[in-house]
Amino acid sequence: MILTFGFSIEYGGRHGFIDELFVRREFRGSGFGTLAIEHATSVCRSLGMKTILLEVAFEECAAHELYYRIGFREHGRRLMSRAI
């Protein structure tokens, strides 16, 4: 997992962004993803941040289940990118 930081007025200033969370297939379902996200949450909270964002592929059903279970929600927007 990589935890980066951004700034958004909508999210109250600085926020965390979880990028590239990956758990090897043989360890999935063992709680490692939850532990990693809890650690990222703790780091962000200690820095005064109130929001953590992440992106997930539409077809990643198991990842969706994990993220919903620990409190992430869709916010009615799409992350978009442009190569420059």
N, C-alpha and C. Protein backbone atom coordinates (compact mmCIF):
# COMPACT_ATOMS: atom_id res chain seq x y z
N MET A 1 0.84 -1.17 0.00
CA MET A 1 0.00 0.00 0.00
C MET A 1 0.88 1.24 0.00
N ILE A 2 0.42 2.21 -0.74
CA ILE A 2 1.07 3.51 -0.74
C ILE A 2 0.03 4.51 -0.24
N LEU A 3 0.40 5.31 0.74
CA LEU A 3 -0.48 6.36 1.26
C LEU A 3 0.09 7.70 0.83
N THR A 4 -0.70 8.45 0.08
CA THR A 4 -0.28 9.78 -0.36
C THR A 4 -1.22 10.80 0.27
N PHE A 5 -0.90 12.07 0.08
CA PHE A 5 -1.70 13.14 0.66
C PHE A 5 -2.07 14.14 -0.41
N GLY A 6 -3.25 14.67 -0.28
CA GLY A 6 -3.73 15.69 -1.19
C GLY A 6 -4.40 16.80 -0.41
N PHE A 7 -4.95 17.75 -1.12
CA PHE A 7 -5.64 18.86 -0.49
C PHE A 7 -6.93 19.12 -1.26
N SER A 8 -8.01 19.23 -0.54
CA SER A 8 -9.30 19.51 -1.16
C SER A 8 -10.16 20.31 -0.20
N ILE A 9 -10.70 21.40 -0.65
CA ILE A 9 -11.59 22.19 0.18
C ILE A 9 -12.81 21.35 0.55
N GLU A 10 -13.29 20.56 -0.41
CA GLU A 10 -14.46 19.71 -0.17
C GLU A 10 -14.25 18.76 1.00
N TYR A 11 -13.04 18.27 1.17
CA TYR A 11 -12.75 17.31 2.24
C TYR A 11 -12.09 17.97 3.45
N GLY A 12 -12.18 19.27 3.57
CA GLY A 12 -11.70 19.96 4.76
C GLY A 12 -10.21 20.19 4.80
N GLY A 13 -9.57 20.27 3.66
CA GLY A 13 -8.12 20.51 3.62
C GLY A 13 -7.37 19.25 3.22
N ARG A 14 -6.31 18.97 3.98
CA ARG A 14 -5.49 17.79 3.63
C ARG A 14 -6.28 16.51 3.84
N HIS A 15 -6.04 15.55 2.95
CA HIS A 15 -6.67 14.24 3.06
C HIS A 15 -5.69 13.17 2.62
N GLY A 16 -5.96 11.95 3.02
CA GLY A 16 -5.14 10.82 2.60
C GLY A 16 -5.71 10.20 1.34
N PHE A 17 -4.86 9.52 0.59
CA PHE A 17 -5.28 8.78 -0.60
C PHE A 17 -4.54 7.46 -0.59
N ILE A 18 -5.28 6.37 -0.47
CA ILE A 18 -4.66 5.04 -0.51
C ILE A 18 -4.51 4.65 -1.96
N ASP A 19 -3.28 4.37 -2.34
CA ASP A 19 -2.97 4.01 -3.72
C ASP A 19 -2.27 2.66 -3.71
N GLU A 20 -2.64 1.82 -4.63
CA GLU A 20 -1.95 0.56 -4.85
C GLU A 20 -1.95 -0.37 -3.64
N LEU A 21 -3.08 -0.51 -2.98
CA LEU A 21 -3.20 -1.52 -1.93
C LEU A 21 -3.24 -2.88 -2.60
N PHE A 22 -2.31 -3.74 -2.26
CA PHE A 22 -2.26 -5.06 -2.88
C PHE A 22 -1.92 -6.09 -1.82
N VAL A 23 -2.74 -7.14 -1.75
CA VAL A 23 -2.48 -8.28 -0.88
C VAL A 23 -2.37 -9.50 -1.79
N ARG A 24 -1.27 -10.22 -1.65
CA ARG A 24 -1.09 -11.42 -2.48
C ARG A 24 -2.26 -12.37 -2.29
N ARG A 25 -2.64 -13.00 -3.38
CA ARG A 25 -3.83 -13.85 -3.42
C ARG A 25 -3.89 -14.83 -2.25
N GLU A 26 -2.78 -15.47 -1.93
CA GLU A 26 -2.80 -16.50 -0.88
C GLU A 26 -3.01 -15.92 0.52
N PHE A 27 -2.90 -14.60 0.67
CA PHE A 27 -3.10 -13.96 1.97
C PHE A 27 -4.40 -13.17 2.05
N ARG A 28 -5.14 -13.12 0.96
CA ARG A 28 -6.41 -12.39 0.97
C ARG A 28 -7.41 -13.08 1.89
N GLY A 29 -8.22 -12.28 2.55
CA GLY A 29 -9.19 -12.82 3.49
C GLY A 29 -8.61 -13.09 4.87
N SER A 30 -7.35 -12.73 5.06
CA SER A 30 -6.68 -12.97 6.34
C SER A 30 -6.60 -11.73 7.22
N GLY A 31 -7.17 -10.62 6.75
CA GLY A 31 -7.19 -9.40 7.55
C GLY A 31 -6.08 -8.42 7.25
N PHE A 32 -5.18 -8.76 6.33
CA PHE A 32 -4.06 -7.86 6.03
C PHE A 32 -4.52 -6.55 5.39
N GLY A 33 -5.51 -6.63 4.50
CA GLY A 33 -6.02 -5.41 3.89
C GLY A 33 -6.66 -4.49 4.92
N THR A 34 -7.43 -5.07 5.82
CA THR A 34 -8.05 -4.28 6.88
C THR A 34 -6.99 -3.65 7.77
N LEU A 35 -5.98 -4.42 8.15
CA LEU A 35 -4.91 -3.87 8.98
C LEU A 35 -4.18 -2.73 8.29
N ALA A 36 -3.92 -2.88 7.00
CA ALA A 36 -3.23 -1.83 6.25
C ALA A 36 -4.06 -0.55 6.23
N ILE A 37 -5.36 -0.68 5.99
CA ILE A 37 -6.22 0.49 5.93
C ILE A 37 -6.37 1.11 7.32
N GLU A 38 -6.46 0.29 8.35
CA GLU A 38 -6.52 0.83 9.71
C GLU A 38 -5.25 1.61 10.04
N HIS A 39 -4.11 1.11 9.59
CA HIS A 39 -2.85 1.83 9.82
C HIS A 39 -2.87 3.18 9.09
N ALA A 40 -3.29 3.16 7.83
CA ALA A 40 -3.37 4.41 7.06
C ALA A 40 -4.33 5.39 7.73
N THR A 41 -5.44 4.89 8.24
CA THR A 41 -6.41 5.73 8.94
C THR A 41 -5.79 6.37 10.18
N SER A 42 -5.04 5.58 10.92
CA SER A 42 -4.38 6.07 12.12
C SER A 42 -3.37 7.17 11.79
N VAL A 43 -2.60 6.95 10.74
CA VAL A 43 -1.61 7.95 10.33
C VAL A 43 -2.32 9.25 9.94
N CYS A 44 -3.36 9.15 9.13
CA CYS A 44 -4.08 10.34 8.69
C CYS A 44 -4.71 11.06 9.88
N ARG A 45 -5.32 10.30 10.76
CA ARG A 45 -5.94 10.91 11.94
C ARG A 45 -4.91 11.65 12.78
N SER A 46 -3.72 11.04 12.95
CA SER A 46 -2.67 11.67 13.76
C SER A 46 -2.17 12.96 13.13
N LEU A 47 -2.36 13.11 11.81
CA LEU A 47 -1.96 14.32 11.10
C LEU A 47 -3.11 15.32 10.97
N GLY A 48 -4.22 15.04 11.63
CA GLY A 48 -5.35 15.96 11.63
C GLY A 48 -6.27 15.85 10.43
N MET A 49 -6.11 14.81 9.63
CA MET A 49 -6.95 14.64 8.45
C MET A 49 -8.26 13.97 8.84
N LYS A 50 -9.32 14.30 8.10
CA LYS A 50 -10.63 13.76 8.40
C LYS A 50 -11.17 12.83 7.33
N THR A 51 -10.44 12.69 6.21
CA THR A 51 -10.93 11.89 5.09
C THR A 51 -9.79 11.11 4.46
N ILE A 52 -10.11 9.88 4.06
CA ILE A 52 -9.21 9.06 3.24
C ILE A 52 -9.98 8.65 1.99
N LEU A 53 -9.36 8.80 0.86
CA LEU A 53 -9.94 8.39 -0.41
C LEU A 53 -9.18 7.18 -0.94
N LEU A 54 -9.82 6.44 -1.83
CA LEU A 54 -9.14 5.38 -2.57
C LEU A 54 -9.89 5.17 -3.86
N GLU A 55 -9.29 4.45 -4.77
CA GLU A 55 -9.99 4.09 -5.99
C GLU A 55 -9.96 2.58 -6.10
N VAL A 56 -11.00 2.04 -6.69
CA VAL A 56 -11.11 0.60 -6.87
C VAL A 56 -11.70 0.33 -8.25
N ALA A 57 -11.18 -0.69 -8.91
CA ALA A 57 -11.70 -1.06 -10.23
C ALA A 57 -13.14 -1.54 -10.10
N PHE A 58 -13.95 -1.27 -11.09
CA PHE A 58 -15.36 -1.66 -11.05
C PHE A 58 -15.52 -3.16 -10.84
N GLU A 59 -14.62 -3.96 -11.41
CA GLU A 59 -14.78 -5.41 -11.35
C GLU A 59 -14.17 -6.06 -10.11
N GLU A 60 -13.58 -5.30 -9.22
CA GLU A 60 -12.93 -5.85 -8.02
C GLU A 60 -13.94 -6.07 -6.90
N CYS A 61 -14.79 -7.09 -7.04
CA CYS A 61 -15.89 -7.32 -6.10
C CYS A 61 -15.40 -7.58 -4.68
N ALA A 62 -14.37 -8.39 -4.51
CA ALA A 62 -13.87 -8.69 -3.16
C ALA A 62 -13.33 -7.42 -2.51
N ALA A 63 -12.67 -6.58 -3.27
CA ALA A 63 -12.16 -5.32 -2.73
C ALA A 63 -13.32 -4.42 -2.32
N HIS A 64 -14.37 -4.36 -3.13
CA HIS A 64 -15.55 -3.55 -2.79
C HIS A 64 -16.10 -4.01 -1.44
N GLU A 65 -16.22 -5.32 -1.25
CA GLU A 65 -16.76 -5.85 0.00
C GLU A 65 -15.92 -5.40 1.19
N LEU A 66 -14.59 -5.49 1.05
CA LEU A 66 -13.69 -5.05 2.12
C LEU A 66 -13.91 -3.58 2.41
N TYR A 67 -13.89 -2.74 1.40
CA TYR A 67 -13.98 -1.30 1.59
C TYR A 67 -15.33 -0.90 2.21
N TYR A 68 -16.42 -1.50 1.74
CA TYR A 68 -17.73 -1.20 2.32
C TYR A 68 -17.78 -1.65 3.78
N ARG A 69 -17.24 -2.83 4.06
CA ARG A 69 -17.28 -3.37 5.42
C ARG A 69 -16.59 -2.46 6.42
N ILE A 70 -15.51 -1.79 5.99
CA ILE A 70 -14.78 -0.94 6.94
C ILE A 70 -15.15 0.54 6.83
N GLY A 71 -16.22 0.83 6.08
CA GLY A 71 -16.79 2.17 6.14
C GLY A 71 -16.62 3.07 4.93
N PHE A 72 -15.96 2.63 3.88
CA PHE A 72 -15.85 3.46 2.68
C PHE A 72 -17.18 3.46 1.94
N ARG A 73 -17.51 4.59 1.33
CA ARG A 73 -18.74 4.72 0.55
C ARG A 73 -18.44 5.45 -0.75
N GLU A 74 -19.21 5.11 -1.78
CA GLU A 74 -19.10 5.83 -3.05
C GLU A 74 -19.68 7.22 -2.82
N HIS A 75 -19.15 8.19 -3.55
CA HIS A 75 -19.57 9.56 -3.31
C HIS A 75 -20.19 10.22 -4.54
N GLY A 76 -20.61 9.43 -5.51
CA GLY A 76 -21.33 9.97 -6.64
C GLY A 76 -20.46 10.69 -7.66
N ARG A 77 -19.17 10.48 -7.60
CA ARG A 77 -18.25 11.08 -8.55
C ARG A 77 -17.36 10.00 -9.14
N ARG A 78 -16.73 10.31 -10.24
CA ARG A 78 -15.77 9.40 -10.84
C ARG A 78 -14.39 10.04 -10.82
N LEU A 79 -13.42 9.25 -10.48
CA LEU A 79 -12.05 9.69 -10.61
C LEU A 79 -11.71 9.65 -12.09
N MET A 80 -11.18 10.73 -12.60
CA MET A 80 -10.80 10.82 -14.01
C MET A 80 -9.33 11.17 -14.08
N SER A 81 -8.69 10.80 -15.16
CA SER A 81 -7.28 11.13 -15.34
C SER A 81 -7.00 11.52 -16.77
N ARG A 82 -5.88 12.16 -16.96
CA ARG A 82 -5.44 12.57 -18.29
C ARG A 82 -3.93 12.49 -18.32
N ALA A 83 -3.39 11.75 -19.26
CA ALA A 83 -1.94 11.69 -19.42
C ALA A 83 -1.45 13.00 -20.00
N ILE A 84 -0.34 13.50 -19.48
CA ILE A 84 0.21 14.75 -20.01
C ILE A 84 1.70 14.60 -20.32
